[in-house]
């Protein structure tokens, strides 16, 4: 049985070509409009700023951070006062994009690469509209393209054109995601939000670089998947190709035992991957090829808000109860 990096040869179906401008206009009309109405000002949950701006002064309250006490005002008014800060949201976001051969797989109308492109288009446009800059690092057989962080719609169009103009990746050995993460660590010096967009079908060794990035930056793992990678239906005898080595063989999906073994191995890999991402300390957004993009982004913002509430509860009342600490 080959590794789970498998691609039924007849599964991937190409969609009609769109120009970068056509793609962005379609997503602005169908996805961004929905998000504008549903986020209700919660854009701030998508990325967190690198700095803090002084917004106000108020009297000290129990559980306030004593480091925020303004001693000059306290001495003048004879009453402890603390500084209240708001987050500086103007910062850079970087897309670390895995464009290895397994990203060209999709069992339905959309490939993982299509989902990647649409996600980048929506997030990049949403962020640049609020004054932020976006850049990208592209990985194929290695890290081959770096687009500097800039703002504006034209820059987003240039990024999309670069993605669309890329030919399908050719099998050239296993993916080494750690190379992409290490390149980002060397390139992105100022604290930023990093979106690591990948199916995480890769050689081992990416966990430590991801954790190191998360210590310096706000890191979000955007994990792409296809339903057929989790469970095989009964399709009879089908050809299967390892997307990255090119190895081919025929498998009998009519064999219920084979399908059970496939599902068991896939479930085990899912559990290990989620554990590794959790240990790295990053938020994770899972995007399937059959997902609704706007709904997925909203799920992500709900997760971020939940994490913020738990973090606030931790800061206000000391240590969280064990079951909440595990959930956070």
C-alpha atoms as a PDB file:
ATOM      1  CA  UNK A   1       0.000   0.000   0.000  1.00  0.00           C
ATOM      2  CA  UNK A   2       1.498   3.384  -0.980  1.00  0.00           C
ATOM      3  CA  UNK A   3       1.780   6.325   1.341  1.00  0.00           C
ATOM      4  CA  UNK A   4      -1.387   8.333   1.816  1.00  0.00           C
ATOM      5  CA  UNK A   5      -0.119  10.888  -0.662  1.00  0.00           C
ATOM      6  CA  UNK A   6      -2.230   9.295  -3.366  1.00  0.00           C
ATOM      7  CA  UNK A   7      -4.079  10.704  -6.351  1.00  0.00           C
ATOM      8  CA  UNK A   8      -6.594   8.750  -8.443  1.00  0.00           C
ATOM      9  CA  UNK A   9      -5.552   9.621 -11.979  1.00  0.00           C
ATOM     10  CA  UNK A  10      -9.056  10.416 -13.207  1.00  0.00           C
ATOM     11  CA  UNK A  11     -10.124  12.447 -10.180  1.00  0.00           C
ATOM     12  CA  UNK A  12      -8.771  15.926 -10.807  1.00  0.00           C
ATOM     13  CA  UNK A  13     -10.989  18.077 -13.002  1.00  0.00           C
ATOM     14  CA  UNK A  14      -9.832  21.480 -14.227  1.00  0.00           C
ATOM     15  CA  UNK A  15     -12.142  24.448 -13.984  1.00  0.00           C
ATOM     16  CA  UNK A  16     -12.489  26.958 -16.813  1.00  0.00           C
ATOM     17  CA  UNK A  17      -9.648  29.474 -16.741  1.00  0.00           C
ATOM     18  CA  UNK A  18     -10.266  32.881 -15.141  1.00  0.00           C
ATOM     19  CA  UNK A  19      -7.998  35.870 -15.291  1.00  0.00           C
ATOM     20  CA  UNK A  20      -6.713  37.237 -12.004  1.00  0.00           C
ATOM     21  CA  UNK A  21      -9.058  40.224 -12.297  1.00  0.00           C
ATOM     22  CA  UNK A  22     -12.071  38.015 -13.081  1.00  0.00           C
ATOM     23  CA  UNK A  23     -11.277  35.753 -10.142  1.00  0.00           C
ATOM     24  CA  UNK A  24     -10.907  38.636  -7.707  1.00  0.00           C
ATOM     25  CA  UNK A  25     -14.082  40.348  -8.930  1.00  0.00           C
ATOM     26  CA  UNK A  26     -16.039  37.099  -8.549  1.00  0.00           C
ATOM     27  CA  UNK A  27     -14.756  36.580  -5.013  1.00  0.00           C
ATOM     28  CA  UNK A  28     -15.351  40.214  -4.060  1.00  0.00           C
ATOM     29  CA  UNK A  29     -18.971  39.799  -5.170  1.00  0.00           C
ATOM     30  CA  UNK A  30     -19.670  36.319  -3.763  1.00  0.00           C
ATOM     31  CA  UNK A  31     -17.425  35.938  -0.702  1.00  0.00           C
ATOM     32  CA  UNK A  32     -16.125  39.319   0.459  1.00  0.00           C
ATOM     33  CA  UNK A  33     -19.592  40.877   0.437  1.00  0.00           C
ATOM     34  CA  UNK A  34     -20.858  38.072   2.663  1.00  0.00           C
ATOM     35  CA  UNK A  35     -17.913  38.439   5.027  1.00  0.00           C
ATOM     36  CA  UNK A  36     -18.369  42.210   5.242  1.00  0.00           C
ATOM     37  CA  UNK A  37     -21.927  41.650   6.416  1.00  0.00           C
ATOM     38  CA  UNK A  38     -21.230  38.747   8.757  1.00  0.00           C
ATOM     39  CA  UNK A  39     -17.991  39.770  10.436  1.00  0.00           C
ATOM     40  CA  UNK A  40     -19.692  42.890  11.822  1.00  0.00           C
ATOM     41  CA  UNK A  41     -16.441  44.701  12.531  1.00  0.00           C
ATOM     42  CA  UNK A  42     -14.618  41.607  13.767  1.00  0.00           C
ATOM     43  CA  UNK A  43     -11.947  42.002  11.110  1.00  0.00           C
ATOM     44  CA  UNK A  44      -9.504  42.358  14.007  1.00  0.00           C
ATOM     45  CA  UNK A  45      -9.831  38.631  14.728  1.00  0.00           C
ATOM     46  CA  UNK A  46      -8.139  37.760  11.429  1.00  0.00           C
ATOM     47  CA  UNK A  47      -4.759  39.147  12.448  1.00  0.00           C
ATOM     48  CA  UNK A  48      -3.335  40.813  15.484  1.00  0.00           C
ATOM     49  CA  UNK A  49      -1.149  43.858  15.351  1.00  0.00           C
ATOM     50  CA  UNK A  50       2.513  44.042  16.268  1.00  0.00           C
ATOM     51  CA  UNK A  51       2.219  47.081  18.527  1.00  0.00           C
ATOM     52  CA  UNK A  52      -0.106  48.854  20.925  1.00  0.00           C
ATOM     53  CA  UNK A  53      -1.443  52.416  20.904  1.00  0.00           C
ATOM     54  CA  UNK A  54      -2.385  54.294  24.078  1.00  0.00           C
ATOM     55  CA  UNK A  55      -6.145  54.818  23.988  1.00  0.00           C
ATOM     56  CA  UNK A  56      -7.187  56.019  27.446  1.00  0.00           C
ATOM     57  CA  UNK A  57      -6.465  56.227  31.159  1.00  0.00           C
ATOM     58  CA  UNK A  58      -8.785  54.897  33.854  1.00  0.00           C
ATOM     59  CA  UNK A  59      -8.735  54.068  37.545  1.00  0.00           C
ATOM     60  CA  UNK A  60      -6.992  50.874  38.535  1.00  0.00           C
ATOM     61  CA  UNK A  61      -9.292  47.898  39.082  1.00  0.00           C
ATOM     62  CA  UNK A  62      -8.700  44.571  40.745  1.00  0.00           C
ATOM     63  CA  UNK A  63      -6.840  42.144  38.437  1.00  0.00           C
ATOM     64  CA  UNK A  64      -5.472  44.952  36.225  1.00  0.00           C
ATOM     65  CA  UNK A  65      -1.881  44.433  35.104  1.00  0.00           C
ATOM     66  CA  UNK A  66       0.283  46.507  37.467  1.00  0.00           C
ATOM     67  CA  UNK A  67       2.770  47.017  34.639  1.00  0.00           C
ATOM     68  CA  UNK A  68       0.217  49.333  33.003  1.00  0.00           C
ATOM     69  CA  UNK A  69      -0.010  51.704  35.970  1.00  0.00           C
ATOM     70  CA  UNK A  70       0.812  55.297  34.975  1.00  0.00           C
ATOM     71  CA  UNK A  71       2.768  56.462  38.016  1.00  0.00           C
ATOM     72  CA  UNK A  72       2.839  60.135  37.044  1.00  0.00           C
ATOM     73  CA  UNK A  73      -0.965  60.317  36.800  1.00  0.00           C
ATOM     74  CA  UNK A  74      -1.299  58.187  39.935  1.00  0.00           C
ATOM     75  CA  UNK A  75       0.897  60.614  41.911  1.00  0.00           C
ATOM     76  CA  UNK A  76      -0.935  63.662  40.582  1.00  0.00           C
ATOM     77  CA  UNK A  77      -4.456  62.366  41.274  1.00  0.00           C
ATOM     78  CA  UNK A  78      -3.624  60.368  44.397  1.00  0.00           C
ATOM     79  CA  UNK A  79      -5.478  57.413  42.893  1.00  0.00           C
ATOM     80  CA  UNK A  80      -3.940  54.518  40.920  1.00  0.00           C
ATOM     81  CA  UNK A  81      -4.606  54.829  37.176  1.00  0.00           C
ATOM     82  CA  UNK A  82      -3.727  52.411  34.402  1.00  0.00           C
ATOM     83  CA  UNK A  83      -3.079  52.943  30.718  1.00  0.00           C
ATOM     84  CA  UNK A  84      -5.574  51.352  28.314  1.00  0.00           C
ATOM     85  CA  UNK A  85      -4.157  50.248  24.991  1.00  0.00           C
ATOM     86  CA  UNK A  86      -5.623  49.368  21.629  1.00  0.00           C
ATOM     87  CA  UNK A  87      -3.886  47.116  19.172  1.00  0.00           C
ATOM     88  CA  UNK A  88      -2.049  48.560  16.205  1.00  0.00           C
ATOM     89  CA  UNK A  89      -3.579  46.513  13.408  1.00  0.00           C
ATOM     90  CA  UNK A  90      -1.480  47.871  10.573  1.00  0.00           C
ATOM     91  CA  UNK A  91       1.075  45.187   9.900  1.00  0.00           C
ATOM     92  CA  UNK A  92       2.242  42.712   7.308  1.00  0.00           C
ATOM     93  CA  UNK A  93       0.753  39.328   6.504  1.00  0.00           C
ATOM     94  CA  UNK A  94       2.698  36.653   4.652  1.00  0.00           C
ATOM     95  CA  UNK A  95       1.307  33.663   2.776  1.00  0.00           C
ATOM     96  CA  UNK A  96       3.647  30.660   2.872  1.00  0.00           C
ATOM     97  CA  UNK A  97       2.255  28.606   0.013  1.00  0.00           C
ATOM     98  CA  UNK A  98       2.871  24.922  -0.589  1.00  0.00           C
ATOM     99  CA  UNK A  99       2.428  24.332  -4.344  1.00  0.00           C
ATOM    100  CA  UNK A 100       3.899  20.825  -4.434  1.00  0.00           C
ATOM    101  CA  UNK A 101       2.343  18.114  -6.669  1.00  0.00           C
ATOM    102  CA  UNK A 102      -0.161  16.836  -4.073  1.00  0.00           C
ATOM    103  CA  UNK A 103      -1.835  20.262  -4.116  1.00  0.00           C
ATOM    104  CA  UNK A 104      -3.054  19.580  -7.655  1.00  0.00           C
ATOM    105  CA  UNK A 105      -5.410  16.883  -6.406  1.00  0.00           C
ATOM    106  CA  UNK A 106      -9.172  17.201  -6.116  1.00  0.00           C
ATOM    107  CA  UNK A 107     -11.847  14.503  -6.263  1.00  0.00           C
ATOM    108  CA  UNK A 108     -14.553  16.947  -7.383  1.00  0.00           C
ATOM    109  CA  UNK A 109     -14.659  20.155  -9.385  1.00  0.00           C
ATOM    110  CA  UNK A 110     -12.060  21.937  -7.253  1.00  0.00           C
ATOM    111  CA  UNK A 111      -8.470  20.999  -6.604  1.00  0.00           C
ATOM    112  CA  UNK A 112      -6.657  21.916  -3.406  1.00  0.00           C
ATOM    113  CA  UNK A 113      -4.674  24.395  -5.473  1.00  0.00           C
ATOM    114  CA  UNK A 114      -7.930  26.148  -6.506  1.00  0.00           C
ATOM    115  CA  UNK A 115      -8.932  26.419  -2.845  1.00  0.00           C
ATOM    116  CA  UNK A 116      -5.486  27.815  -1.995  1.00  0.00           C
ATOM    117  CA  UNK A 117      -5.763  30.494  -4.683  1.00  0.00           C
ATOM    118  CA  UNK A 118      -9.253  31.564  -3.628  1.00  0.00           C
ATOM    119  CA  UNK A 119      -8.275  31.673   0.047  1.00  0.00           C
ATOM    120  CA  UNK A 120      -5.259  33.859  -0.724  1.00  0.00           C
ATOM    121  CA  UNK A 121      -7.390  36.149  -2.899  1.00  0.00           C
ATOM    122  CA  UNK A 122     -10.046  36.672  -0.212  1.00  0.00           C
ATOM    123  CA  UNK A 123      -7.683  37.106   2.738  1.00  0.00           C
ATOM    124  CA  UNK A 124      -5.208  39.276   0.837  1.00  0.00           C
ATOM    125  CA  UNK A 125      -7.930  41.612  -0.400  1.00  0.00           C
ATOM    126  CA  UNK A 126      -9.625  41.743   2.988  1.00  0.00           C
ATOM    127  CA  UNK A 127      -6.352  42.646   4.697  1.00  0.00           C
ATOM    128  CA  UNK A 128      -5.121  45.185   2.130  1.00  0.00           C
ATOM    129  CA  UNK A 129      -8.465  46.997   2.226  1.00  0.00           C
ATOM    130  CA  UNK A 130      -7.719  47.740   5.887  1.00  0.00           C
ATOM    131  CA  UNK A 131      -4.296  49.196   5.198  1.00  0.00           C
ATOM    132  CA  UNK A 132      -2.156  46.105   5.723  1.00  0.00           C
ATOM    133  CA  UNK A 133       0.520  44.730   3.422  1.00  0.00           C
ATOM    134  CA  UNK A 134       0.700  41.157   2.140  1.00  0.00           C
ATOM    135  CA  UNK A 135       3.601  39.150   0.765  1.00  0.00           C
ATOM    136  CA  UNK A 136       4.120  35.542  -0.273  1.00  0.00           C
ATOM    137  CA  UNK A 137       6.683  32.749  -0.417  1.00  0.00           C
ATOM    138  CA  UNK A 138       6.004  29.992  -2.959  1.00  0.00           C
ATOM    139  CA  UNK A 139       7.248  26.434  -2.665  1.00  0.00           C
ATOM    140  CA  UNK A 140       7.287  23.937  -5.535  1.00  0.00           C
ATOM    141  CA  UNK A 141      10.248  21.570  -5.650  1.00  0.00           C
ATOM    142  CA  UNK A 142      11.845  24.140  -3.335  1.00  0.00           C
ATOM    143  CA  UNK A 143      11.296  27.763  -2.356  1.00  0.00           C
ATOM    144  CA  UNK A 144      11.420  29.428  -5.765  1.00  0.00           C
ATOM    145  CA  UNK A 145       9.467  32.705  -5.522  1.00  0.00           C
ATOM    146  CA  UNK A 146       9.267  35.535  -2.991  1.00  0.00           C
ATOM    147  CA  UNK A 147       6.831  38.422  -3.446  1.00  0.00           C
ATOM    148  CA  UNK A 148       7.533  41.374  -1.114  1.00  0.00           C
ATOM    149  CA  UNK A 149       4.848  42.627   1.249  1.00  0.00           C
ATOM    150  CA  UNK A 150       2.910  45.514  -0.293  1.00  0.00           C
ATOM    151  CA  UNK A 151      -0.583  46.946  -0.141  1.00  0.00           C
ATOM    152  CA  UNK A 152      -3.315  47.711  -2.627  1.00  0.00           C
ATOM    153  CA  UNK A 153      -5.582  45.841  -5.014  1.00  0.00           C
ATOM    154  CA  UNK A 154      -3.016  45.857  -7.837  1.00  0.00           C
ATOM    155  CA  UNK A 155      -0.546  44.008  -5.642  1.00  0.00           C
ATOM    156  CA  UNK A 156      -3.188  41.372  -4.855  1.00  0.00           C
ATOM    157  CA  UNK A 157      -3.867  40.994  -8.576  1.00  0.00           C
ATOM    158  CA  UNK A 158      -0.156  40.510  -9.192  1.00  0.00           C
ATOM    159  CA  UNK A 159      -0.014  37.792  -6.543  1.00  0.00           C
ATOM    160  CA  UNK A 160      -3.015  36.004  -8.068  1.00  0.00           C
ATOM    161  CA  UNK A 161      -1.538  36.246 -11.556  1.00  0.00           C
ATOM    162  CA  UNK A 162       1.668  34.652 -10.271  1.00  0.00           C
ATOM    163  CA  UNK A 163      -0.309  31.767  -8.789  1.00  0.00           C
ATOM    164  CA  UNK A 164      -2.430  31.257 -11.892  1.00  0.00           C
ATOM    165  CA  UNK A 165       0.519  31.424 -14.292  1.00  0.00           C
ATOM    166  CA  UNK A 166       2.343  28.625 -12.457  1.00  0.00           C
ATOM    167  CA  UNK A 167       2.239  25.315 -14.321  1.00  0.00           C
ATOM    168  CA  UNK A 168       1.220  22.165 -12.507  1.00  0.00           C
ATOM    169  CA  UNK A 169       4.002  20.885 -10.289  1.00  0.00           C
ATOM    170  CA  UNK A 170       6.016  17.963 -11.613  1.00  0.00           C
ATOM    171  CA  UNK A 171       6.879  15.073  -9.290  1.00  0.00           C
ATOM    172  CA  UNK A 172      10.382  15.731  -8.014  1.00  0.00           C
ATOM    173  CA  UNK A 173      10.597  13.814  -4.780  1.00  0.00           C
ATOM    174  CA  UNK A 174       8.859  14.363  -1.440  1.00  0.00           C
ATOM    175  CA  UNK A 175       7.784  17.764  -0.169  1.00  0.00           C
ATOM    176  CA  UNK A 176      10.093  19.309   2.431  1.00  0.00           C
ATOM    177  CA  UNK A 177       7.853  21.836   4.141  1.00  0.00           C
ATOM    178  CA  UNK A 178      10.585  22.684   6.636  1.00  0.00           C
ATOM    179  CA  UNK A 179      12.473  24.436   3.806  1.00  0.00           C
ATOM    180  CA  UNK A 180       9.569  26.838   3.294  1.00  0.00           C
ATOM    181  CA  UNK A 181       9.279  27.532   7.030  1.00  0.00           C
ATOM    182  CA  UNK A 182      13.019  28.106   7.432  1.00  0.00           C
ATOM    183  CA  UNK A 183      13.042  30.471   4.444  1.00  0.00           C
ATOM    184  CA  UNK A 184      10.248  32.472   6.067  1.00  0.00           C
ATOM    185  CA  UNK A 185      12.225  32.673   9.315  1.00  0.00           C
ATOM    186  CA  UNK A 186      15.181  34.143   7.415  1.00  0.00           C
ATOM    187  CA  UNK A 187      13.117  36.535   5.276  1.00  0.00           C
ATOM    188  CA  UNK A 188      10.387  37.870   7.583  1.00  0.00           C
ATOM    189  CA  UNK A 189      12.151  39.749  10.353  1.00  0.00           C
ATOM    190  CA  UNK A 190       9.451  42.097  11.612  1.00  0.00           C
ATOM    191  CA  UNK A 191       6.635  40.506  13.595  1.00  0.00           C
ATOM    192  CA  UNK A 192       3.870  39.581  11.153  1.00  0.00           C
ATOM    193  CA  UNK A 193       0.929  37.261  10.646  1.00  0.00           C
ATOM    194  CA  UNK A 194       1.975  34.168   8.696  1.00  0.00           C
ATOM    195  CA  UNK A 195      -0.554  31.943   6.916  1.00  0.00           C
ATOM    196  CA  UNK A 196       1.034  28.553   6.204  1.00  0.00           C
ATOM    197  CA  UNK A 197      -1.192  27.133   3.442  1.00  0.00           C
ATOM    198  CA  UNK A 198      -0.480  23.458   2.804  1.00  0.00           C
ATOM    199  CA  UNK A 199      -1.949  19.967   2.899  1.00  0.00           C
ATOM    200  CA  UNK A 200       0.937  19.050   5.245  1.00  0.00           C
ATOM    201  CA  UNK A 201       1.708  15.958   3.163  1.00  0.00           C
ATOM    202  CA  UNK A 202       5.424  16.305   3.664  1.00  0.00           C
ATOM    203  CA  UNK A 203       8.587  14.762   4.977  1.00  0.00           C
ATOM    204  CA  UNK A 204       9.070  14.946   8.730  1.00  0.00           C
ATOM    205  CA  UNK A 205      10.983  17.788  10.352  1.00  0.00           C
ATOM    206  CA  UNK A 206       8.544  20.687   9.852  1.00  0.00           C
ATOM    207  CA  UNK A 207       7.235  20.744  13.422  1.00  0.00           C
ATOM    208  CA  UNK A 208      10.208  22.465  15.070  1.00  0.00           C
ATOM    209  CA  UNK A 209      10.563  25.260  12.439  1.00  0.00           C
ATOM    210  CA  UNK A 210       6.818  25.911  12.696  1.00  0.00           C
ATOM    211  CA  UNK A 211       7.037  26.187  16.481  1.00  0.00           C
ATOM    212  CA  UNK A 212       9.987  28.577  16.221  1.00  0.00           C
ATOM    213  CA  UNK A 213       8.049  30.767  13.787  1.00  0.00           C
ATOM    214  CA  UNK A 214       5.105  30.839  16.210  1.00  0.00           C
ATOM    215  CA  UNK A 215       7.371  32.200  18.945  1.00  0.00           C
ATOM    216  CA  UNK A 216       8.147  35.275  16.852  1.00  0.00           C
ATOM    217  CA  UNK A 217       5.052  35.701  14.680  1.00  0.00           C
ATOM    218  CA  UNK A 218       1.309  35.171  14.694  1.00  0.00           C
ATOM    219  CA  UNK A 219       1.086  31.885  12.759  1.00  0.00           C
ATOM    220  CA  UNK A 220      -2.030  30.306  11.265  1.00  0.00           C
ATOM    221  CA  UNK A 221      -1.867  26.846   9.692  1.00  0.00           C
ATOM    222  CA  UNK A 222      -4.348  26.646   6.801  1.00  0.00           C
ATOM    223  CA  UNK A 223      -4.610  22.921   6.196  1.00  0.00           C
ATOM    224  CA  UNK A 224      -6.098  21.884   2.815  1.00  0.00           C
ATOM    225  CA  UNK A 225      -7.643  18.478   2.301  1.00  0.00           C
ATOM    226  CA  UNK A 226      -9.957  16.499   0.043  1.00  0.00           C
ATOM    227  CA  UNK A 227     -12.659  14.080   1.282  1.00  0.00           C
ATOM    228  CA  UNK A 228     -11.146  11.257  -0.798  1.00  0.00           C
ATOM    229  CA  UNK A 229      -7.943  11.519   1.236  1.00  0.00           C
ATOM    230  CA  UNK A 230      -9.836  10.484   4.362  1.00  0.00           C
ATOM    231  CA  UNK A 231     -12.062   7.699   3.089  1.00  0.00           C
ATOM    232  CA  UNK A 232     -12.208   5.791  -0.205  1.00  0.00           C
ATOM    233  CA  UNK A 233     -15.603   4.922  -1.699  1.00  0.00           C
ATOM    234  CA  UNK A 234     -16.218   1.685  -3.553  1.00  0.00           C
ATOM    235  CA  UNK A 235     -14.965   2.609  -7.040  1.00  0.00           C
ATOM    236  CA  UNK A 236     -13.782  -0.830  -8.107  1.00  0.00           C
ATOM    237  CA  UNK A 237     -10.305  -1.245  -9.565  1.00  0.00           C
ATOM    238  CA  UNK A 238      -8.651   2.165  -9.959  1.00  0.00           C
ATOM    239  CA  UNK A 239      -5.129   3.426 -10.751  1.00  0.00           C
ATOM    240  CA  UNK A 240      -3.474   5.374  -7.939  1.00  0.00           C
ATOM    241  CA  UNK A 241      -0.411   7.603  -8.216  1.00  0.00           C
ATOM    242  CA  UNK A 242       1.818   8.867  -5.457  1.00  0.00           C
ATOM    243  CA  UNK A 243       1.584  12.569  -6.273  1.00  0.00           C
ATOM    244  CA  UNK A 244       5.193  13.346  -5.435  1.00  0.00           C
ATOM    245  CA  UNK A 245       7.216  10.256  -6.374  1.00  0.00           C
ATOM    246  CA  UNK A 246       5.173   9.288  -9.442  1.00  0.00           C
ATOM    247  CA  UNK A 247       4.849   5.675  -8.281  1.00  0.00           C
ATOM    248  CA  UNK A 248       1.723   4.029  -9.745  1.00  0.00           C
ATOM    249  CA  UNK A 249      -0.284   0.938  -8.907  1.00  0.00           C
ATOM    250  CA  UNK A 250      -3.787  -0.495  -9.191  1.00  0.00           C
ATOM    251  CA  UNK A 251      -5.900  -0.933  -6.061  1.00  0.00           C
ATOM    252  CA  UNK A 252      -9.207  -2.712  -5.616  1.00  0.00           C
ATOM    253  CA  UNK A 253     -11.454  -0.302  -3.700  1.00  0.00           C
ATOM    254  CA  UNK A 254     -14.214  -2.914  -3.851  1.00  0.00           C
ATOM    255  CA  UNK A 255     -12.241  -4.688  -1.128  1.00  0.00           C
ATOM    256  CA  UNK A 256     -13.897  -3.575   2.123  1.00  0.00           C
ATOM    257  CA  UNK A 257     -10.837  -4.580   4.128  1.00  0.00           C
ATOM    258  CA  UNK A 258      -8.616  -2.309   2.035  1.00  0.00           C
ATOM    259  CA  UNK A 259     -11.016   0.604   2.489  1.00  0.00           C
ATOM    260  CA  UNK A 260     -11.056   0.055   6.266  1.00  0.00           C
ATOM    261  CA  UNK A 261      -7.244  -0.015   6.416  1.00  0.00           C
ATOM    262  CA  UNK A 262      -7.078   3.155   4.313  1.00  0.00           C
ATOM    263  CA  UNK A 263      -9.546   4.950   6.616  1.00  0.00           C
ATOM    264  CA  UNK A 264      -7.705   3.753   9.735  1.00  0.00           C
ATOM    265  CA  UNK A 265      -4.324   4.997   8.479  1.00  0.00           C
ATOM    266  CA  UNK A 266      -5.893   8.292   7.378  1.00  0.00           C
ATOM    267  CA  UNK A 267      -7.522   8.774  10.792  1.00  0.00           C
ATOM    268  CA  UNK A 268      -4.225   8.056  12.525  1.00  0.00           C
ATOM    269  CA  UNK A 269      -2.452  10.615  10.363  1.00  0.00           C
ATOM    270  CA  UNK A 270      -5.194  13.160  11.091  1.00  0.00           C
ATOM    271  CA  UNK A 271      -4.765  12.722  14.830  1.00  0.00           C
ATOM    272  CA  UNK A 272      -0.969  12.987  14.629  1.00  0.00           C
ATOM    273  CA  UNK A 273      -1.138  16.080  12.422  1.00  0.00           C
ATOM    274  CA  UNK A 274      -3.566  17.896  14.694  1.00  0.00           C
ATOM    275  CA  UNK A 275      -1.447  17.029  17.706  1.00  0.00           C
ATOM    276  CA  UNK A 276       1.685  18.378  16.019  1.00  0.00           C
ATOM    277  CA  UNK A 277      -0.041  21.629  15.044  1.00  0.00           C
ATOM    278  CA  UNK A 278      -1.362  22.046  18.564  1.00  0.00           C
ATOM    279  CA  UNK A 279       2.071  21.465  20.083  1.00  0.00           C
ATOM    280  CA  UNK A 280       3.543  24.068  17.727  1.00  0.00           C
ATOM    281  CA  UNK A 281       1.182  26.636  19.260  1.00  0.00           C
ATOM    282  CA  UNK A 282      -0.561  27.745  16.068  1.00  0.00           C
ATOM    283  CA  UNK A 283      -4.221  28.282  15.223  1.00  0.00           C
ATOM    284  CA  UNK A 284      -5.494  25.947  12.517  1.00  0.00           C
ATOM    285  CA  UNK A 285      -8.078  26.479   9.790  1.00  0.00           C
ATOM    286  CA  UNK A 286      -9.066  23.357   7.866  1.00  0.00           C
ATOM    287  CA  UNK A 287     -10.302  23.901   4.315  1.00  0.00           C
ATOM    288  CA  UNK A 288     -11.754  21.057   2.272  1.00  0.00           C
ATOM    289  CA  UNK A 289     -12.169  21.113  -1.491  1.00  0.00           C
ATOM    290  CA  UNK A 290     -15.926  20.869  -0.915  1.00  0.00           C
ATOM    291  CA  UNK A 291     -15.995  23.663   1.698  1.00  0.00           C
ATOM    292  CA  UNK A 292     -17.763  27.006   1.435  1.00  0.00           C
ATOM    293  CA  UNK A 293     -14.935  29.550   1.763  1.00  0.00           C
ATOM    294  CA  UNK A 294     -16.914  32.258   3.560  1.00  0.00           C
ATOM    295  CA  UNK A 295     -18.248  29.756   6.111  1.00  0.00           C
ATOM    296  CA  UNK A 296     -14.739  28.440   6.727  1.00  0.00           C
ATOM    297  CA  UNK A 297     -13.362  31.940   7.377  1.00  0.00           C
ATOM    298  CA  UNK A 298     -16.220  32.590   9.791  1.00  0.00           C
ATOM    299  CA  UNK A 299     -15.435  29.338  11.622  1.00  0.00           C
ATOM    300  CA  UNK A 300     -11.890  30.571  11.966  1.00  0.00           C
ATOM    301  CA  UNK A 301     -12.895  33.962  13.356  1.00  0.00           C
ATOM    302  CA  UNK A 302     -15.191  32.243  15.860  1.00  0.00           C
ATOM    303  CA  UNK A 303     -12.231  30.123  16.981  1.00  0.00           C
ATOM    304  CA  UNK A 304     -10.065  33.223  17.399  1.00  0.00           C
ATOM    305  CA  UNK A 305     -12.737  34.965  19.447  1.00  0.00           C
ATOM    306  CA  UNK A 306     -13.114  31.904  21.659  1.00  0.00           C
ATOM    307  CA  UNK A 307      -9.351  31.787  22.204  1.00  0.00           C
ATOM    308  CA  UNK A 308      -9.340  35.493  23.077  1.00  0.00           C
ATOM    309  CA  UNK A 309     -12.093  35.002  25.649  1.00  0.00           C
ATOM    310  CA  UNK A 310     -10.252  32.090  27.232  1.00  0.00           C
ATOM    311  CA  UNK A 311      -7.036  34.093  27.245  1.00  0.00           C
ATOM    312  CA  UNK A 312      -8.866  36.988  28.892  1.00  0.00           C
ATOM    313  CA  UNK A 313     -10.309  34.682  31.517  1.00  0.00           C
ATOM    314  CA  UNK A 314      -6.807  33.412  32.214  1.00  0.00           C
ATOM    315  CA  UNK A 315      -5.466  36.928  32.662  1.00  0.00           C
ATOM    316  CA  UNK A 316      -8.330  38.125  34.849  1.00  0.00           C
ATOM    317  CA  UNK A 317      -8.667  35.225  37.185  1.00  0.00           C
ATOM    318  CA  UNK A 318      -5.372  33.392  37.336  1.00  0.00           C
ATOM    319  CA  UNK A 319      -4.972  29.854  36.121  1.00  0.00           C
ATOM    320  CA  UNK A 320      -7.725  28.345  34.006  1.00  0.00           C
ATOM    321  CA  UNK A 321      -9.523  25.204  35.144  1.00  0.00           C
ATOM    322  CA  UNK A 322      -7.821  22.127  33.721  1.00  0.00           C
ATOM    323  CA  UNK A 323     -10.571  21.263  31.234  1.00  0.00           C
ATOM    324  CA  UNK A 324     -10.585  24.824  29.845  1.00  0.00           C
ATOM    325  CA  UNK A 325      -6.811  24.956  29.664  1.00  0.00           C
ATOM    326  CA  UNK A 326      -6.821  21.805  27.555  1.00  0.00           C
ATOM    327  CA  UNK A 327      -9.534  23.224  25.294  1.00  0.00           C
ATOM    328  CA  UNK A 328      -7.584  26.453  24.750  1.00  0.00           C
END
